[in-house]
Amino acid sequence: MPRQSMNIGSAADPLLALELAAQGFVRPAPDAIDWLPTPALDSDWKSFADSWNRLGLDRYMADGGRYRRRRHAAVAITPDAIARKPHQPHFQSRDYNQLNGDVQRWFEPMEDAIADSPMMQRLLRGATLCFEGAGESAMAAHWHVELHQFRIETTAQNLGRPTPEGMHRDGVDWVLVMLIDRLNANEGVTEIQIAGRPEIDRFTLAAPGDAVLLDDHRVLHGVTPIRPIDPDMPAHRDVFVATWKAEGSG
């Protein structure tokens, strides 16, 4: 049963939504969007980010890798509330994930304190309104939203692959990616390709709280492998990913 419901009435940032609609992706300027956290100033950030130290190993990697840790949750978002759904598997068809597709992947559930935290609720509320402002979706849309905590680990002997499936779509409507932390990690460059354009946009989510919002119908995205800066020290890249799919859209 859902554990929490929260009113989500709020004003969207119209310029952010317009930019997203115009080009298919947008990188909010640091500290410019009130629903994105400012880690240096937000008292809730430390406990939120520390939860990435408690992720379980992803045992579904078809490449045999043991470099990814994660937790997962699903929520329903309506104009009035955000509610946690019963724990469920994450599923993608091979049309969108040729490496790990067509498998029901049961990851450890996201901790209640993180899924229900004010920071998470603010993130989901703000991103939902931005996506609705950028698309043709009515404000009355019901959204199925999946929340993913990822840690990609790397050593001198083993690459860490944030997107082992390569450049891809997620098979949803909208995607939010937010960096939580980079520890002793080099590279990890985000690559974006808009449908119908040969060029690839490249940038690095470098500081905690850096984020990108994507129109999954128009954008292919991927991240290059990470390597340790100091080969003798632990290295990882932590991100939060959330995906929005309109309920009943298949």
C-alpha atoms as a PDB file:
ATOM      1  CA  MET A   1       0.000   0.000   0.000  1.00  0.00           C
ATOM      2  CA  PRO A   2       1.181   3.554  -0.624  1.00  0.00           C
ATOM      3  CA  ARG A   3       2.880   5.002   2.452  1.00  0.00           C
ATOM      4  CA  GLN A   4       2.723   8.703   1.650  1.00  0.00           C
ATOM      5  CA  SER A   5       0.626  11.132  -0.311  1.00  0.00           C
ATOM      6  CA  MET A   6       1.572  14.746  -0.832  1.00  0.00           C
ATOM      7  CA  ASN A   7      -0.057  17.713  -2.512  1.00  0.00           C
ATOM      8  CA  ILE A   8       2.082  18.774  -5.443  1.00  0.00           C
ATOM      9  CA  GLY A   9       0.480  22.014  -6.547  1.00  0.00           C
ATOM     10  CA  SER A  10       3.265  24.429  -7.527  1.00  0.00           C
ATOM     11  CA  ALA A  11       4.327  26.677 -10.349  1.00  0.00           C
ATOM     12  CA  ALA A  12       6.625  25.235 -13.008  1.00  0.00           C
ATOM     13  CA  ASP A  13       9.637  27.160 -14.288  1.00  0.00           C
ATOM     14  CA  PRO A  14       8.368  28.288 -17.727  1.00  0.00           C
ATOM     15  CA  LEU A  15      11.794  29.045 -19.202  1.00  0.00           C
ATOM     16  CA  LEU A  16      13.124  25.603 -18.271  1.00  0.00           C
ATOM     17  CA  ALA A  17      10.085  23.929 -19.821  1.00  0.00           C
ATOM     18  CA  LEU A  18      10.360  26.035 -22.971  1.00  0.00           C
ATOM     19  CA  GLU A  19      14.032  25.157 -23.412  1.00  0.00           C
ATOM     20  CA  LEU A  20      13.285  21.469 -22.895  1.00  0.00           C
ATOM     21  CA  ALA A  21      10.481  21.620 -25.464  1.00  0.00           C
ATOM     22  CA  ALA A  22      12.691  23.446 -27.960  1.00  0.00           C
ATOM     23  CA  GLN A  23      15.735  21.192 -27.940  1.00  0.00           C
ATOM     24  CA  GLY A  24      14.748  17.886 -26.320  1.00  0.00           C
ATOM     25  CA  PHE A  25      17.040  18.215 -23.309  1.00  0.00           C
ATOM     26  CA  VAL A  26      18.010  20.893 -20.820  1.00  0.00           C
ATOM     27  CA  ARG A  27      20.731  21.336 -18.205  1.00  0.00           C
ATOM     28  CA  PRO A  28      19.484  23.640 -15.450  1.00  0.00           C
ATOM     29  CA  ALA A  29      22.035  26.207 -14.333  1.00  0.00           C
ATOM     30  CA  PRO A  30      23.404  25.491 -10.832  1.00  0.00           C
ATOM     31  CA  ASP A  31      21.284  27.026  -8.065  1.00  0.00           C
ATOM     32  CA  ALA A  32      18.862  28.486 -10.634  1.00  0.00           C
ATOM     33  CA  ILE A  33      15.932  26.085 -10.107  1.00  0.00           C
ATOM     34  CA  ASP A  34      14.327  26.087  -6.680  1.00  0.00           C
ATOM     35  CA  TRP A  35      13.246  22.426  -6.774  1.00  0.00           C
ATOM     36  CA  LEU A  36      16.773  21.167  -7.474  1.00  0.00           C
ATOM     37  CA  PRO A  37      18.930  20.792  -4.357  1.00  0.00           C
ATOM     38  CA  THR A  38      21.856  23.053  -3.546  1.00  0.00           C
ATOM     39  CA  PRO A  39      24.077  20.523  -1.758  1.00  0.00           C
ATOM     40  CA  ALA A  40      26.310  23.062  -0.030  1.00  0.00           C
ATOM     41  CA  LEU A  41      23.308  24.804   1.523  1.00  0.00           C
ATOM     42  CA  ASP A  42      20.681  22.084   1.881  1.00  0.00           C
ATOM     43  CA  SER A  43      20.686  20.513   5.343  1.00  0.00           C
ATOM     44  CA  ASP A  44      18.970  17.368   3.994  1.00  0.00           C
ATOM     45  CA  TRP A  45      21.567  16.671   1.310  1.00  0.00           C
ATOM     46  CA  LYS A  46      24.041  14.711   3.442  1.00  0.00           C
ATOM     47  CA  SER A  47      21.548  12.094   4.627  1.00  0.00           C
ATOM     48  CA  PHE A  48      20.093  11.871   1.106  1.00  0.00           C
ATOM     49  CA  ALA A  49      23.513  11.349  -0.517  1.00  0.00           C
ATOM     50  CA  ASP A  50      24.756   9.007   2.235  1.00  0.00           C
ATOM     51  CA  SER A  51      22.065   6.496   1.266  1.00  0.00           C
ATOM     52  CA  TRP A  52      24.102   5.727  -1.893  1.00  0.00           C
ATOM     53  CA  ASN A  53      26.556   3.987   0.459  1.00  0.00           C
ATOM     54  CA  ARG A  54      23.880   1.361   1.174  1.00  0.00           C
ATOM     55  CA  LEU A  55      23.023   0.098  -2.304  1.00  0.00           C
ATOM     56  CA  GLY A  56      22.893  -3.583  -3.189  1.00  0.00           C
ATOM     57  CA  LEU A  57      24.863  -5.210  -5.986  1.00  0.00           C
ATOM     58  CA  ASP A  58      23.180  -5.366  -9.404  1.00  0.00           C
ATOM     59  CA  ARG A  59      23.283  -9.107 -10.143  1.00  0.00           C
ATOM     60  CA  TYR A  60      21.482  -8.887 -13.485  1.00  0.00           C
ATOM     61  CA  MET A  61      24.347  -7.589 -15.623  1.00  0.00           C
ATOM     62  CA  ALA A  62      24.435  -9.749 -18.751  1.00  0.00           C
ATOM     63  CA  ASP A  63      28.035  -8.687 -19.398  1.00  0.00           C
ATOM     64  CA  GLY A  64      29.016 -10.408 -16.142  1.00  0.00           C
ATOM     65  CA  GLY A  65      30.039  -7.116 -14.567  1.00  0.00           C
ATOM     66  CA  ARG A  66      29.948  -6.519 -10.824  1.00  0.00           C
ATOM     67  CA  TYR A  67      30.572  -2.782 -11.064  1.00  0.00           C
ATOM     68  CA  ARG A  68      27.018  -1.487 -10.514  1.00  0.00           C
ATOM     69  CA  ARG A  69      25.010  -1.097  -7.307  1.00  0.00           C
ATOM     70  CA  ARG A  70      21.425   0.129  -7.171  1.00  0.00           C
ATOM     71  CA  ARG A  71      18.067   0.451  -5.460  1.00  0.00           C
ATOM     72  CA  HIS A  72      14.692   1.015  -7.075  1.00  0.00           C
ATOM     73  CA  ALA A  73      11.207   2.300  -6.304  1.00  0.00           C
ATOM     74  CA  ALA A  74       8.050   3.217  -8.213  1.00  0.00           C
ATOM     75  CA  VAL A  75       5.595   5.991  -7.457  1.00  0.00           C
ATOM     76  CA  ALA A  76       2.341   7.279  -8.898  1.00  0.00           C
ATOM     77  CA  ILE A  77       2.100  11.016  -9.524  1.00  0.00           C
ATOM     78  CA  THR A  78      -1.199  12.801 -10.111  1.00  0.00           C
ATOM     79  CA  PRO A  79      -2.032  16.518  -9.992  1.00  0.00           C
ATOM     80  CA  ASP A  80      -2.825  16.097  -6.296  1.00  0.00           C
ATOM     81  CA  ALA A  81      -0.373  13.616  -4.840  1.00  0.00           C
ATOM     82  CA  ILE A  82       2.766  11.512  -4.984  1.00  0.00           C
ATOM     83  CA  ALA A  83       2.250   7.986  -3.650  1.00  0.00           C
ATOM     84  CA  ARG A  84       4.675   5.063  -3.324  1.00  0.00           C
ATOM     85  CA  LYS A  85       3.618   1.962  -5.246  1.00  0.00           C
ATOM     86  CA  PRO A  86       4.150  -1.587  -3.965  1.00  0.00           C
ATOM     87  CA  HIS A  87       7.661  -2.805  -4.692  1.00  0.00           C
ATOM     88  CA  GLN A  88       7.884  -4.176  -8.229  1.00  0.00           C
ATOM     89  CA  PRO A  89      10.465  -5.291 -10.781  1.00  0.00           C
ATOM     90  CA  HIS A  90      12.106  -2.989 -13.273  1.00  0.00           C
ATOM     91  CA  PHE A  91      11.434  -4.169 -16.827  1.00  0.00           C
ATOM     92  CA  GLN A  92      12.668  -2.970 -20.212  1.00  0.00           C
ATOM     93  CA  SER A  93      12.228  -4.747 -23.524  1.00  0.00           C
ATOM     94  CA  ARG A  94      15.227  -5.549 -25.685  1.00  0.00           C
ATOM     95  CA  ASP A  95      14.008  -2.803 -28.012  1.00  0.00           C
ATOM     96  CA  TYR A  96      15.421  -0.344 -25.456  1.00  0.00           C
ATOM     97  CA  ASN A  97      17.990  -2.381 -23.555  1.00  0.00           C
ATOM     98  CA  GLN A  98      19.725  -5.012 -25.677  1.00  0.00           C
ATOM     99  CA  LEU A  99      22.054  -5.974 -22.836  1.00  0.00           C
ATOM    100  CA  ASN A 100      19.630  -6.503 -19.961  1.00  0.00           C
ATOM    101  CA  GLY A 101      16.215  -6.345 -21.635  1.00  0.00           C
ATOM    102  CA  ASP A 102      13.271  -8.778 -21.452  1.00  0.00           C
ATOM    103  CA  VAL A 103      14.086  -9.631 -17.831  1.00  0.00           C
ATOM    104  CA  GLN A 104      12.127  -8.695 -14.725  1.00  0.00           C
ATOM    105  CA  ARG A 105      14.867  -7.272 -12.533  1.00  0.00           C
ATOM    106  CA  TRP A 106      14.097  -7.175  -8.821  1.00  0.00           C
ATOM    107  CA  PHE A 107      16.416  -4.701  -7.138  1.00  0.00           C
ATOM    108  CA  GLU A 108      16.506  -3.892  -3.455  1.00  0.00           C
ATOM    109  CA  PRO A 109      13.808  -1.313  -2.617  1.00  0.00           C
ATOM    110  CA  MET A 110      14.735   2.285  -2.055  1.00  0.00           C
ATOM    111  CA  GLU A 111      14.743   3.097   1.643  1.00  0.00           C
ATOM    112  CA  ASP A 112      11.485   4.659   2.837  1.00  0.00           C
ATOM    113  CA  ALA A 113      13.319   7.585   4.382  1.00  0.00           C
ATOM    114  CA  ILE A 114      14.794   8.475   0.981  1.00  0.00           C
ATOM    115  CA  ALA A 115      11.738   7.835  -1.199  1.00  0.00           C
ATOM    116  CA  ASP A 116       9.499   9.794   1.192  1.00  0.00           C
ATOM    117  CA  SER A 117      11.989  12.548   2.017  1.00  0.00           C
ATOM    118  CA  PRO A 118      11.085  16.204   1.453  1.00  0.00           C
ATOM    119  CA  MET A 119      14.005  16.450  -0.987  1.00  0.00           C
ATOM    120  CA  MET A 120      12.705  13.582  -3.115  1.00  0.00           C
ATOM    121  CA  GLN A 121       9.172  14.930  -3.049  1.00  0.00           C
ATOM    122  CA  ARG A 122      10.406  18.374  -4.121  1.00  0.00           C
ATOM    123  CA  LEU A 123      12.451  16.869  -6.959  1.00  0.00           C
ATOM    124  CA  LEU A 124       9.524  14.834  -8.249  1.00  0.00           C
ATOM    125  CA  ARG A 125       7.063  17.685  -7.955  1.00  0.00           C
ATOM    126  CA  GLY A 126       9.285  20.164  -9.778  1.00  0.00           C
ATOM    127  CA  ALA A 127      10.349  17.808 -12.540  1.00  0.00           C
ATOM    128  CA  THR A 128       6.766  16.668 -13.174  1.00  0.00           C
ATOM    129  CA  LEU A 129       5.568  20.230 -13.641  1.00  0.00           C
ATOM    130  CA  CYS A 130       8.502  20.984 -15.924  1.00  0.00           C
ATOM    131  CA  PHE A 131       7.780  17.950 -18.082  1.00  0.00           C
ATOM    132  CA  GLU A 132       4.095  18.773 -18.273  1.00  0.00           C
ATOM    133  CA  GLY A 133       4.958  22.327 -19.282  1.00  0.00           C
ATOM    134  CA  ALA A 134       7.277  21.067 -22.028  1.00  0.00           C
ATOM    135  CA  GLY A 135       4.954  18.489 -23.569  1.00  0.00           C
ATOM    136  CA  GLU A 136       1.417  17.964 -24.706  1.00  0.00           C
ATOM    137  CA  SER A 137       0.472  16.164 -21.502  1.00  0.00           C
ATOM    138  CA  ALA A 138      -2.480  17.638 -19.664  1.00  0.00           C
ATOM    139  CA  MET A 139      -2.057  18.601 -16.036  1.00  0.00           C
ATOM    140  CA  ALA A 140      -4.515  15.805 -15.221  1.00  0.00           C
ATOM    141  CA  ALA A 141      -2.073  13.132 -16.456  1.00  0.00           C
ATOM    142  CA  HIS A 142      -1.319  10.222 -14.153  1.00  0.00           C
ATOM    143  CA  TRP A 143       2.344   9.288 -14.224  1.00  0.00           C
ATOM    144  CA  HIS A 144       4.155   6.050 -13.494  1.00  0.00           C
ATOM    145  CA  VAL A 145       7.550   7.172 -12.220  1.00  0.00           C
ATOM    146  CA  GLU A 146      10.478   4.854 -11.487  1.00  0.00           C
ATOM    147  CA  LEU A 147      13.266   5.967  -9.163  1.00  0.00           C
ATOM    148  CA  HIS A 148      16.768   4.544  -9.499  1.00  0.00           C
ATOM    149  CA  GLN A 149      19.798   4.954  -7.287  1.00  0.00           C
ATOM    150  CA  PHE A 150      22.988   3.965  -9.130  1.00  0.00           C
ATOM    151  CA  ARG A 151      26.578   3.607  -8.021  1.00  0.00           C
ATOM    152  CA  ILE A 152      29.125   2.718 -10.720  1.00  0.00           C
ATOM    153  CA  GLU A 153      32.441   1.486  -9.332  1.00  0.00           C
ATOM    154  CA  THR A 154      35.771   1.320 -11.120  1.00  0.00           C
ATOM    155  CA  THR A 155      39.309   0.107 -10.499  1.00  0.00           C
ATOM    156  CA  ALA A 156      42.562   0.266 -12.423  1.00  0.00           C
ATOM    157  CA  GLN A 157      41.776  -3.212 -13.757  1.00  0.00           C
ATOM    158  CA  ASN A 158      38.044  -2.798 -14.432  1.00  0.00           C
ATOM    159  CA  LEU A 159      36.163  -0.021 -16.188  1.00  0.00           C
ATOM    160  CA  GLY A 160      32.957   1.254 -14.636  1.00  0.00           C
ATOM    161  CA  ARG A 161      30.243   1.502 -17.293  1.00  0.00           C
ATOM    162  CA  PRO A 162      27.362   3.832 -16.394  1.00  0.00           C
ATOM    163  CA  THR A 163      25.504   2.818 -19.565  1.00  0.00           C
ATOM    164  CA  PRO A 164      26.773  -0.607 -20.642  1.00  0.00           C
ATOM    165  CA  GLU A 165      23.893  -0.762 -23.119  1.00  0.00           C
ATOM    166  CA  GLY A 166      25.445   2.186 -25.025  1.00  0.00           C
ATOM    167  CA  MET A 167      23.540   5.131 -26.482  1.00  0.00           C
ATOM    168  CA  HIS A 168      19.908   4.373 -25.783  1.00  0.00           C
ATOM    169  CA  ARG A 169      16.380   5.445 -25.001  1.00  0.00           C
ATOM    170  CA  ASP A 170      14.654   4.220 -21.858  1.00  0.00           C
ATOM    171  CA  GLY A 171      11.250   3.558 -23.438  1.00  0.00           C
ATOM    172  CA  VAL A 172       9.473   6.202 -21.349  1.00  0.00           C
ATOM    173  CA  ASP A 173       8.335   9.793 -21.861  1.00  0.00           C
ATOM    174  CA  TRP A 174      10.740  11.859 -19.748  1.00  0.00           C
ATOM    175  CA  VAL A 175      13.978  11.309 -17.821  1.00  0.00           C
ATOM    176  CA  LEU A 176      15.736  13.189 -15.019  1.00  0.00           C
ATOM    177  CA  VAL A 177      19.403  12.431 -14.263  1.00  0.00           C
ATOM    178  CA  MET A 178      21.102  14.079 -11.276  1.00  0.00           C
ATOM    179  CA  LEU A 179      24.663  13.603 -10.081  1.00  0.00           C
ATOM    180  CA  ILE A 180      25.012  12.713  -6.412  1.00  0.00           C
ATOM    181  CA  ASP A 181      28.791  12.351  -6.154  1.00  0.00           C
ATOM    182  CA  ARG A 182      31.999  11.535  -7.995  1.00  0.00           C
ATOM    183  CA  LEU A 183      34.766   9.996  -5.904  1.00  0.00           C
ATOM    184  CA  ASN A 184      38.213   9.717  -7.521  1.00  0.00           C
ATOM    185  CA  ALA A 185      36.439   9.203 -10.859  1.00  0.00           C
ATOM    186  CA  ASN A 186      37.602  10.496 -14.232  1.00  0.00           C
ATOM    187  CA  GLU A 187      35.624  10.721 -17.503  1.00  0.00           C
ATOM    188  CA  GLY A 188      31.945   9.708 -17.278  1.00  0.00           C
ATOM    189  CA  VAL A 189      30.954  12.129 -20.034  1.00  0.00           C
ATOM    190  CA  THR A 190      27.243  12.407 -20.827  1.00  0.00           C
ATOM    191  CA  GLU A 191      26.458  12.112 -24.544  1.00  0.00           C
ATOM    192  CA  ILE A 192      23.202  13.313 -26.081  1.00  0.00           C
ATOM    193  CA  GLN A 193      21.994  12.786 -29.640  1.00  0.00           C
ATOM    194  CA  ILE A 194      18.770  14.383 -30.858  1.00  0.00           C
ATOM    195  CA  ALA A 195      16.718  12.359 -33.340  1.00  0.00           C
ATOM    196  CA  GLY A 196      17.513  13.453 -36.891  1.00  0.00           C
ATOM    197  CA  ARG A 197      20.786  15.204 -35.967  1.00  0.00           C
ATOM    198  CA  PRO A 198      24.212  13.668 -36.606  1.00  0.00           C
ATOM    199  CA  GLU A 199      25.976  15.797 -33.964  1.00  0.00           C
ATOM    200  CA  ILE A 200      26.396  14.570 -30.403  1.00  0.00           C
ATOM    201  CA  ASP A 201      26.311  16.992 -27.467  1.00  0.00           C
ATOM    202  CA  ARG A 202      28.837  16.115 -24.762  1.00  0.00           C
ATOM    203  CA  PHE A 203      29.121  17.434 -21.225  1.00  0.00           C
ATOM    204  CA  THR A 204      30.070  16.197 -17.777  1.00  0.00           C
ATOM    205  CA  LEU A 205      27.864  16.219 -14.712  1.00  0.00           C
ATOM    206  CA  ALA A 206      30.681  17.228 -12.422  1.00  0.00           C
ATOM    207  CA  ALA A 207      29.306  18.676  -9.180  1.00  0.00           C
ATOM    208  CA  PRO A 208      26.737  17.168  -6.798  1.00  0.00           C
ATOM    209  CA  GLY A 209      23.295  18.366  -7.859  1.00  0.00           C
ATOM    210  CA  ASP A 210      24.203  18.811 -11.543  1.00  0.00           C
ATOM    211  CA  ALA A 211      21.264  17.553 -13.584  1.00  0.00           C
ATOM    212  CA  VAL A 212      19.875  17.041 -17.058  1.00  0.00           C
ATOM    213  CA  LEU A 213      16.250  16.575 -18.153  1.00  0.00           C
ATOM    214  CA  LEU A 214      15.499  14.575 -21.312  1.00  0.00           C
ATOM    215  CA  ASP A 215      12.628  14.014 -23.726  1.00  0.00           C
ATOM    216  CA  ASP A 216      12.994  10.252 -24.183  1.00  0.00           C
ATOM    217  CA  HIS A 217      11.051  10.282 -27.462  1.00  0.00           C
ATOM    218  CA  ARG A 218      13.568  12.613 -29.096  1.00  0.00           C
ATOM    219  CA  VAL A 219      16.871  11.892 -27.375  1.00  0.00           C
ATOM    220  CA  LEU A 220      19.398   9.083 -27.279  1.00  0.00           C
ATOM    221  CA  HIS A 221      21.677   9.308 -24.260  1.00  0.00           C
ATOM    222  CA  GLY A 222      24.671   7.529 -22.812  1.00  0.00           C
ATOM    223  CA  VAL A 223      27.650   8.027 -20.492  1.00  0.00           C
ATOM    224  CA  THR A 224      31.245   7.088 -21.217  1.00  0.00           C
ATOM    225  CA  PRO A 225      33.034   4.659 -18.848  1.00  0.00           C
ATOM    226  CA  ILE A 226      34.703   5.981 -15.721  1.00  0.00           C
ATOM    227  CA  ARG A 227      38.265   5.309 -14.593  1.00  0.00           C
ATOM    228  CA  PRO A 228      39.977   6.003 -11.269  1.00  0.00           C
ATOM    229  CA  ILE A 229      42.107   9.134 -11.073  1.00  0.00           C
ATOM    230  CA  ASP A 230      44.305   7.506  -8.429  1.00  0.00           C
ATOM    231  CA  PRO A 231      44.468   3.810  -9.381  1.00  0.00           C
ATOM    232  CA  ASP A 232      45.242   2.791  -5.802  1.00  0.00           C
ATOM    233  CA  MET A 233      42.129   4.377  -4.281  1.00  0.00           C
ATOM    234  CA  PRO A 234      38.394   3.495  -4.435  1.00  0.00           C
ATOM    235  CA  ALA A 235      36.471   5.248  -7.200  1.00  0.00           C
ATOM    236  CA  HIS A 236      32.786   5.565  -8.045  1.00  0.00           C
ATOM    237  CA  ARG A 237      30.102   7.735  -9.652  1.00  0.00           C
ATOM    238  CA  ASP A 238      26.700   8.074  -7.948  1.00  0.00           C
ATOM    239  CA  VAL A 239      23.588   9.259  -9.794  1.00  0.00           C
ATOM    240  CA  PHE A 240      19.863   9.485  -9.255  1.00  0.00           C
ATOM    241  CA  VAL A 241      17.707   8.659 -12.284  1.00  0.00           C
ATOM    242  CA  ALA A 242      13.935   9.021 -12.487  1.00  0.00           C
ATOM    243  CA  THR A 243      11.735   8.168 -15.482  1.00  0.00           C
ATOM    244  CA  TRP A 244       8.189   9.361 -16.222  1.00  0.00           C
ATOM    245  CA  LYS A 245       5.682   7.388 -18.303  1.00  0.00           C
ATOM    246  CA  ALA A 246       2.060   8.408 -18.715  1.00  0.00           C
ATOM    247  CA  GLU A 247      -0.220   5.769 -17.182  1.00  0.00           C
ATOM    248  CA  GLY A 248      -2.062   3.800 -19.840  1.00  0.00           C
ATOM    249  CA  SER A 249       0.349   4.759 -22.635  1.00  0.00           C
ATOM    250  CA  GLY A 250       1.583   1.184 -23.126  1.00  0.00           C
END
